[in-house]
Amino acid sequence: MNAPDIDPALIEQPYPLQDHLGFRITGWRPDWARFEIPLAPFLMNRYGIPHGGIYTTILDTVMGYAGCYTGDPATRRLAMTLTLTTSFLSRPEGDLLIAEGTRTGGGRSTFFAEAEVRDTKGTICAKGSGAFRYRKTS
């Protein structure tokens, strides 16, 4: 129970989109991942709520990571998205979105995942599901 949600050795340098949008991994273990994104004005749509693309991006990311855990920083596993469905459910309160994704099944070359995005009060703001294909590494 006191163990951290992620081994610090597994935290990778942010890639350019991740760095630009400001989301970060805060939990990762077999078949599960968590990302958080602080809300900033440039992430909002014209109604003053997070743009739908922000939800979709973090859902896609957290589900992909959920299926790619190896536990070894020297052995990276990557996946590409085959399908992605996003449902928008509620407006967030607070200044942070928290996404948790779970690998729900699959095999050697593909996997399926589901995820939710919650606000700081625990309200589900968006849900997603997707199918992913493992990428071959060289």
N, C-alpha and C. Protein backbone atom coordinates (compact mmCIF):
# COMPACT_ATOMS: atom_id res chain seq x y z
N MET A 1 0.82 -1.20 0.00
CA MET A 1 0.00 0.00 0.00
C MET A 1 0.86 1.26 0.00
N ASN A 2 2.05 1.21 0.62
CA ASN A 2 2.91 2.37 0.67
C ASN A 2 3.83 2.48 -0.55
N ALA A 3 3.80 1.49 -1.41
CA ALA A 3 4.66 1.51 -2.60
C ALA A 3 4.21 2.63 -3.53
N PRO A 4 5.17 3.29 -4.19
CA PRO A 4 4.79 4.33 -5.15
C PRO A 4 4.04 3.71 -6.33
N ASP A 5 3.25 4.55 -7.02
CA ASP A 5 2.49 4.07 -8.16
C ASP A 5 3.32 3.92 -9.42
N ILE A 6 4.58 4.37 -9.37
CA ILE A 6 5.46 4.21 -10.53
C ILE A 6 6.91 4.16 -10.06
N ASP A 7 7.66 3.28 -10.64
CA ASP A 7 9.10 3.21 -10.39
C ASP A 7 9.72 4.42 -11.10
N PRO A 8 10.41 5.31 -10.38
CA PRO A 8 11.00 6.49 -11.02
C PRO A 8 11.89 6.17 -12.22
N ALA A 9 12.49 4.99 -12.25
CA ALA A 9 13.35 4.60 -13.37
C ALA A 9 12.55 4.43 -14.66
N LEU A 10 11.24 4.26 -14.56
CA LEU A 10 10.41 4.05 -15.75
C LEU A 10 9.89 5.35 -16.36
N ILE A 11 10.09 6.46 -15.68
CA ILE A 11 9.60 7.74 -16.19
C ILE A 11 10.51 8.20 -17.33
N GLU A 12 9.93 8.33 -18.50
CA GLU A 12 10.67 8.74 -19.69
C GLU A 12 10.64 10.25 -19.85
N GLN A 13 11.59 10.77 -20.61
CA GLN A 13 11.56 12.19 -20.96
C GLN A 13 10.28 12.46 -21.74
N PRO A 14 9.60 13.58 -21.48
CA PRO A 14 8.38 13.88 -22.23
C PRO A 14 8.69 14.04 -23.72
N TYR A 15 7.80 13.52 -24.56
CA TYR A 15 7.92 13.76 -25.99
C TYR A 15 7.32 15.13 -26.28
N PRO A 16 7.55 15.72 -27.45
CA PRO A 16 7.18 17.12 -27.68
C PRO A 16 5.71 17.46 -27.41
N LEU A 17 4.76 16.63 -27.84
CA LEU A 17 3.35 16.95 -27.58
C LEU A 17 3.07 16.91 -26.09
N GLN A 18 3.58 15.90 -25.41
CA GLN A 18 3.40 15.77 -23.97
C GLN A 18 3.98 16.99 -23.25
N ASP A 19 5.15 17.40 -23.65
CA ASP A 19 5.80 18.56 -23.05
C ASP A 19 4.97 19.82 -23.28
N HIS A 20 4.46 19.98 -24.49
CA HIS A 20 3.67 21.16 -24.83
C HIS A 20 2.36 21.23 -24.05
N LEU A 21 1.65 20.09 -23.98
CA LEU A 21 0.35 20.09 -23.30
C LEU A 21 0.48 20.02 -21.78
N GLY A 22 1.58 19.46 -21.29
CA GLY A 22 1.83 19.46 -19.86
C GLY A 22 1.35 18.24 -19.09
N PHE A 23 0.97 17.16 -19.78
CA PHE A 23 0.54 15.99 -19.03
C PHE A 23 1.73 15.14 -18.62
N ARG A 24 1.56 14.39 -17.52
CA ARG A 24 2.66 13.58 -17.00
C ARG A 24 2.14 12.27 -16.44
N ILE A 25 2.98 11.28 -16.49
CA ILE A 25 2.63 9.97 -15.95
C ILE A 25 2.81 10.01 -14.44
N THR A 26 1.82 9.49 -13.73
CA THR A 26 1.89 9.48 -12.27
C THR A 26 1.67 8.07 -11.69
N GLY A 27 1.42 7.10 -12.56
CA GLY A 27 1.27 5.73 -12.10
C GLY A 27 1.38 4.77 -13.27
N TRP A 28 2.07 3.63 -13.03
CA TRP A 28 2.24 2.66 -14.12
C TRP A 28 2.63 1.32 -13.53
N ARG A 29 1.86 0.32 -13.87
CA ARG A 29 2.14 -1.06 -13.47
C ARG A 29 1.46 -1.97 -14.50
N PRO A 30 1.63 -3.27 -14.40
CA PRO A 30 1.03 -4.14 -15.42
C PRO A 30 -0.46 -3.87 -15.63
N ASP A 31 -0.83 -3.64 -16.88
CA ASP A 31 -2.22 -3.46 -17.30
C ASP A 31 -2.90 -2.20 -16.74
N TRP A 32 -2.14 -1.25 -16.25
CA TRP A 32 -2.73 -0.03 -15.67
C TRP A 32 -1.76 1.14 -15.79
N ALA A 33 -2.33 2.33 -16.03
CA ALA A 33 -1.53 3.56 -16.04
C ALA A 33 -2.40 4.73 -15.59
N ARG A 34 -1.73 5.76 -15.10
CA ARG A 34 -2.42 7.00 -14.71
C ARG A 34 -1.59 8.20 -15.21
N PHE A 35 -2.27 9.16 -15.79
CA PHE A 35 -1.67 10.42 -16.22
C PHE A 35 -2.48 11.56 -15.62
N GLU A 36 -1.81 12.69 -15.41
CA GLU A 36 -2.49 13.89 -14.93
C GLU A 36 -2.12 15.04 -15.85
N ILE A 37 -3.08 15.96 -16.02
CA ILE A 37 -2.83 17.15 -16.82
C ILE A 37 -3.41 18.37 -16.10
N PRO A 38 -2.54 19.31 -15.75
CA PRO A 38 -3.03 20.55 -15.14
C PRO A 38 -3.77 21.36 -16.21
N LEU A 39 -4.91 21.90 -15.85
CA LEU A 39 -5.68 22.69 -16.81
C LEU A 39 -5.10 24.10 -16.91
N ALA A 40 -4.91 24.53 -18.13
CA ALA A 40 -4.36 25.86 -18.42
C ALA A 40 -5.25 26.52 -19.46
N PRO A 41 -5.25 27.83 -19.55
CA PRO A 41 -6.12 28.52 -20.51
C PRO A 41 -5.98 28.03 -21.95
N PHE A 42 -4.77 27.67 -22.37
CA PHE A 42 -4.59 27.27 -23.77
C PHE A 42 -5.17 25.89 -24.08
N LEU A 43 -5.63 25.15 -23.06
CA LEU A 43 -6.25 23.85 -23.27
C LEU A 43 -7.77 23.94 -23.39
N MET A 44 -8.32 25.14 -23.19
CA MET A 44 -9.76 25.31 -23.15
C MET A 44 -10.34 25.65 -24.52
N ASN A 45 -11.61 25.26 -24.70
CA ASN A 45 -12.32 25.65 -25.91
C ASN A 45 -12.97 27.01 -25.69
N ARG A 46 -13.77 27.46 -26.62
CA ARG A 46 -14.35 28.79 -26.51
C ARG A 46 -15.42 28.91 -25.43
N TYR A 47 -15.83 27.78 -24.84
CA TYR A 47 -16.79 27.80 -23.72
C TYR A 47 -16.07 27.82 -22.38
N GLY A 48 -14.74 27.76 -22.42
CA GLY A 48 -13.97 27.80 -21.19
C GLY A 48 -13.81 26.46 -20.50
N ILE A 49 -14.08 25.37 -21.23
CA ILE A 49 -13.88 24.03 -20.69
C ILE A 49 -12.83 23.32 -21.54
N PRO A 50 -12.22 22.25 -21.03
CA PRO A 50 -11.18 21.59 -21.82
C PRO A 50 -11.70 21.16 -23.20
N HIS A 51 -10.91 21.42 -24.20
CA HIS A 51 -11.24 21.02 -25.57
C HIS A 51 -11.36 19.51 -25.61
N GLY A 52 -12.28 18.99 -26.40
CA GLY A 52 -12.47 17.55 -26.53
C GLY A 52 -11.21 16.82 -26.94
N GLY A 53 -10.36 17.48 -27.71
CA GLY A 53 -9.10 16.86 -28.12
C GLY A 53 -8.16 16.61 -26.95
N ILE A 54 -8.28 17.40 -25.90
CA ILE A 54 -7.46 17.18 -24.70
C ILE A 54 -7.87 15.88 -24.03
N TYR A 55 -9.18 15.68 -23.87
CA TYR A 55 -9.67 14.42 -23.30
C TYR A 55 -9.22 13.24 -24.16
N THR A 56 -9.41 13.36 -25.46
CA THR A 56 -9.08 12.27 -26.36
C THR A 56 -7.58 11.96 -26.31
N THR A 57 -6.76 12.99 -26.27
CA THR A 57 -5.31 12.79 -26.23
C THR A 57 -4.89 12.05 -24.96
N ILE A 58 -5.40 12.48 -23.82
CA ILE A 58 -4.96 11.83 -22.57
C ILE A 58 -5.57 10.43 -22.44
N LEU A 59 -6.79 10.21 -22.96
CA LEU A 59 -7.37 8.86 -22.95
C LEU A 59 -6.53 7.93 -23.83
N ASP A 60 -6.18 8.39 -25.01
CA ASP A 60 -5.36 7.60 -25.93
C ASP A 60 -4.02 7.26 -25.28
N THR A 61 -3.41 8.23 -24.67
CA THR A 61 -2.10 8.03 -24.04
C THR A 61 -2.17 7.05 -22.88
N VAL A 62 -3.10 7.24 -21.97
CA VAL A 62 -3.16 6.39 -20.78
C VAL A 62 -3.52 4.96 -21.15
N MET A 63 -4.38 4.76 -22.15
CA MET A 63 -4.70 3.39 -22.57
C MET A 63 -3.50 2.73 -23.23
N GLY A 64 -2.78 3.48 -24.06
CA GLY A 64 -1.59 2.93 -24.70
C GLY A 64 -0.55 2.50 -23.69
N TYR A 65 -0.30 3.34 -22.70
CA TYR A 65 0.65 2.98 -21.66
C TYR A 65 0.18 1.78 -20.85
N ALA A 66 -1.12 1.70 -20.58
CA ALA A 66 -1.65 0.59 -19.79
C ALA A 66 -1.31 -0.76 -20.42
N GLY A 67 -1.24 -0.81 -21.73
CA GLY A 67 -0.94 -2.07 -22.40
C GLY A 67 0.53 -2.31 -22.68
N CYS A 68 1.38 -1.33 -22.36
CA CYS A 68 2.79 -1.42 -22.76
C CYS A 68 3.77 -1.54 -21.60
N TYR A 69 3.30 -1.80 -20.42
CA TYR A 69 4.20 -1.90 -19.25
C TYR A 69 5.11 -3.12 -19.39
N THR A 70 6.42 -2.92 -19.15
CA THR A 70 7.36 -4.04 -19.09
C THR A 70 8.05 -4.13 -17.73
N GLY A 71 8.10 -3.02 -16.99
CA GLY A 71 8.78 -3.00 -15.71
C GLY A 71 10.29 -2.84 -15.83
N ASP A 72 10.80 -2.76 -17.05
CA ASP A 72 12.24 -2.66 -17.30
C ASP A 72 12.51 -1.44 -18.18
N PRO A 73 13.19 -0.41 -17.66
CA PRO A 73 13.43 0.78 -18.48
C PRO A 73 14.25 0.51 -19.74
N ALA A 74 15.01 -0.57 -19.76
CA ALA A 74 15.80 -0.92 -20.95
C ALA A 74 14.98 -1.65 -22.00
N THR A 75 13.80 -2.10 -21.63
CA THR A 75 12.92 -2.83 -22.56
C THR A 75 11.62 -2.06 -22.72
N ARG A 76 11.59 -1.20 -23.73
CA ARG A 76 10.39 -0.41 -23.99
C ARG A 76 9.46 -1.17 -24.91
N ARG A 77 8.18 -1.06 -24.65
CA ARG A 77 7.16 -1.63 -25.52
C ARG A 77 6.31 -0.46 -26.00
N LEU A 78 6.06 -0.41 -27.29
CA LEU A 78 5.30 0.68 -27.89
C LEU A 78 4.08 0.12 -28.59
N ALA A 79 3.05 0.95 -28.71
CA ALA A 79 1.83 0.54 -29.40
C ALA A 79 1.31 1.69 -30.24
N MET A 80 0.54 1.34 -31.25
CA MET A 80 -0.15 2.35 -32.05
C MET A 80 -1.65 2.12 -31.93
N THR A 81 -2.41 3.20 -31.99
CA THR A 81 -3.85 3.13 -31.82
C THR A 81 -4.51 2.67 -33.10
N LEU A 82 -5.38 1.67 -32.99
CA LEU A 82 -6.17 1.19 -34.12
C LEU A 82 -7.56 1.80 -34.12
N THR A 83 -8.20 1.82 -32.96
CA THR A 83 -9.51 2.47 -32.82
C THR A 83 -9.53 3.20 -31.48
N LEU A 84 -10.32 4.26 -31.42
CA LEU A 84 -10.44 5.03 -30.19
C LEU A 84 -11.82 5.65 -30.15
N THR A 85 -12.53 5.40 -29.06
CA THR A 85 -13.85 5.99 -28.86
C THR A 85 -13.80 6.84 -27.60
N THR A 86 -14.34 8.05 -27.68
CA THR A 86 -14.38 8.95 -26.54
C THR A 86 -15.82 9.37 -26.29
N SER A 87 -16.23 9.33 -25.04
CA SER A 87 -17.54 9.84 -24.62
C SER A 87 -17.31 10.95 -23.61
N PHE A 88 -17.92 12.10 -23.85
CA PHE A 88 -17.79 13.25 -22.97
C PHE A 88 -19.00 13.26 -22.04
N LEU A 89 -18.76 13.30 -20.73
CA LEU A 89 -19.83 13.08 -19.76
C LEU A 89 -20.14 14.27 -18.86
N SER A 90 -19.13 15.06 -18.50
CA SER A 90 -19.37 16.11 -17.53
C SER A 90 -18.31 17.19 -17.64
N ARG A 91 -18.66 18.37 -17.15
CA ARG A 91 -17.69 19.46 -17.06
C ARG A 91 -16.82 19.26 -15.83
N PRO A 92 -15.53 19.49 -15.95
CA PRO A 92 -14.67 19.30 -14.77
C PRO A 92 -14.75 20.47 -13.81
N GLU A 93 -14.47 20.18 -12.55
CA GLU A 93 -14.27 21.21 -11.54
C GLU A 93 -12.83 21.09 -11.08
N GLY A 94 -12.24 22.20 -10.71
CA GLY A 94 -10.85 22.19 -10.28
C GLY A 94 -9.91 22.49 -11.42
N ASP A 95 -8.63 22.28 -11.18
CA ASP A 95 -7.62 22.67 -12.16
C ASP A 95 -6.73 21.51 -12.59
N LEU A 96 -7.24 20.27 -12.46
CA LEU A 96 -6.46 19.10 -12.82
C LEU A 96 -7.38 18.00 -13.34
N LEU A 97 -6.96 17.33 -14.40
CA LEU A 97 -7.65 16.14 -14.88
C LEU A 97 -6.77 14.93 -14.60
N ILE A 98 -7.39 13.84 -14.18
CA ILE A 98 -6.68 12.61 -13.84
C ILE A 98 -7.26 11.49 -14.69
N ALA A 99 -6.42 10.86 -15.50
CA ALA A 99 -6.85 9.77 -16.38
C ALA A 99 -6.26 8.47 -15.89
N GLU A 100 -7.10 7.44 -15.81
CA GLU A 100 -6.63 6.09 -15.47
C GLU A 100 -7.10 5.14 -16.55
N GLY A 101 -6.17 4.32 -17.02
CA GLY A 101 -6.46 3.37 -18.08
C GLY A 101 -6.12 1.96 -17.66
N THR A 102 -6.88 1.01 -18.21
CA THR A 102 -6.69 -0.40 -17.91
C THR A 102 -6.69 -1.21 -19.19
N ARG A 103 -5.71 -2.08 -19.32
CA ARG A 103 -5.71 -3.07 -20.41
C ARG A 103 -6.76 -4.11 -20.06
N THR A 104 -7.70 -4.34 -20.96
CA THR A 104 -8.81 -5.25 -20.66
C THR A 104 -8.71 -6.59 -21.36
N GLY A 105 -7.79 -6.73 -22.29
CA GLY A 105 -7.63 -8.01 -22.99
C GLY A 105 -6.72 -7.86 -24.18
N GLY A 106 -6.61 -8.93 -24.93
CA GLY A 106 -5.78 -8.91 -26.12
C GLY A 106 -4.88 -10.12 -26.19
N GLY A 107 -3.94 -10.04 -27.09
CA GLY A 107 -3.04 -11.15 -27.32
C GLY A 107 -1.62 -10.69 -27.57
N ARG A 108 -0.92 -11.41 -28.47
CA ARG A 108 0.49 -11.10 -28.74
C ARG A 108 0.69 -9.84 -29.55
N SER A 109 -0.25 -9.51 -30.44
CA SER A 109 -0.02 -8.37 -31.32
C SER A 109 -0.97 -7.20 -31.08
N THR A 110 -2.10 -7.43 -30.45
CA THR A 110 -3.05 -6.35 -30.19
C THR A 110 -3.56 -6.44 -28.75
N PHE A 111 -4.07 -5.31 -28.27
CA PHE A 111 -4.72 -5.31 -26.97
C PHE A 111 -5.86 -4.31 -26.96
N PHE A 112 -6.73 -4.45 -25.98
CA PHE A 112 -7.88 -3.58 -25.79
C PHE A 112 -7.75 -2.89 -24.45
N ALA A 113 -8.26 -1.66 -24.37
CA ALA A 113 -8.14 -0.90 -23.13
C ALA A 113 -9.35 0.00 -22.96
N GLU A 114 -9.57 0.38 -21.70
CA GLU A 114 -10.60 1.34 -21.33
C GLU A 114 -9.98 2.35 -20.39
N ALA A 115 -10.57 3.56 -20.34
CA ALA A 115 -10.03 4.60 -19.47
C ALA A 115 -11.12 5.58 -19.07
N GLU A 116 -10.87 6.28 -17.98
CA GLU A 116 -11.73 7.35 -17.51
C GLU A 116 -10.88 8.56 -17.18
N VAL A 117 -11.47 9.74 -17.38
CA VAL A 117 -10.86 11.00 -16.96
C VAL A 117 -11.76 11.59 -15.89
N ARG A 118 -11.16 11.86 -14.74
CA ARG A 118 -11.90 12.45 -13.62
C ARG A 118 -11.32 13.81 -13.27
N ASP A 119 -12.15 14.63 -12.62
CA ASP A 119 -11.64 15.90 -12.09
C ASP A 119 -11.17 15.67 -10.66
N THR A 120 -10.77 16.73 -9.98
CA THR A 120 -10.22 16.59 -8.64
C THR A 120 -11.27 16.19 -7.61
N LYS A 121 -12.55 16.33 -7.93
CA LYS A 121 -13.62 15.90 -7.02
C LYS A 121 -14.02 14.45 -7.26
N GLY A 122 -13.43 13.81 -8.30
CA GLY A 122 -13.75 12.43 -8.61
C GLY A 122 -14.86 12.25 -9.61
N THR A 123 -15.38 13.33 -10.15
CA THR A 123 -16.43 13.25 -11.16
C THR A 123 -15.85 12.74 -12.48
N ILE A 124 -16.49 11.75 -13.07
CA ILE A 124 -16.05 11.25 -14.38
C ILE A 124 -16.45 12.27 -15.44
N CYS A 125 -15.47 12.79 -16.14
CA CYS A 125 -15.69 13.80 -17.18
C CYS A 125 -15.70 13.20 -18.58
N ALA A 126 -14.97 12.12 -18.78
CA ALA A 126 -14.91 11.46 -20.09
C ALA A 126 -14.50 10.00 -19.90
N LYS A 127 -14.92 9.18 -20.85
CA LYS A 127 -14.53 7.77 -20.88
C LYS A 127 -14.05 7.44 -22.28
N GLY A 128 -13.22 6.42 -22.37
CA GLY A 128 -12.74 6.00 -23.67
C GLY A 128 -12.49 4.51 -23.71
N SER A 129 -12.46 3.99 -24.92
CA SER A 129 -12.06 2.60 -25.14
C SER A 129 -11.33 2.56 -26.47
N GLY A 130 -10.47 1.56 -26.60
CA GLY A 130 -9.70 1.48 -27.83
C GLY A 130 -9.06 0.14 -28.05
N ALA A 131 -8.59 -0.03 -29.27
CA ALA A 131 -7.81 -1.21 -29.65
C ALA A 131 -6.45 -0.70 -30.13
N PHE A 132 -5.41 -1.43 -29.76
CA PHE A 132 -4.04 -1.01 -30.01
C PHE A 132 -3.23 -2.17 -30.54
N ARG A 133 -2.27 -1.87 -31.39
CA ARG A 133 -1.37 -2.89 -31.92
C ARG A 133 0.03 -2.61 -31.40
N TYR A 134 0.67 -3.65 -30.90
CA TYR A 134 2.05 -3.51 -30.48
C TYR A 134 2.92 -3.23 -31.68
N ARG A 135 3.86 -2.31 -31.54
CA ARG A 135 4.80 -2.01 -32.61
C ARG A 135 6.01 -2.89 -32.49
N LYS A 136 6.51 -3.26 -33.63
CA LYS A 136 7.74 -4.04 -33.63
C LYS A 136 8.91 -3.11 -33.31
N THR A 137 9.79 -3.56 -32.44
CA THR A 137 10.96 -2.75 -32.08
C THR A 137 12.18 -3.34 -32.76
N SER A 138 13.14 -2.46 -33.07
CA SER A 138 14.35 -2.94 -33.76
C SER A 138 15.46 -3.18 -32.80
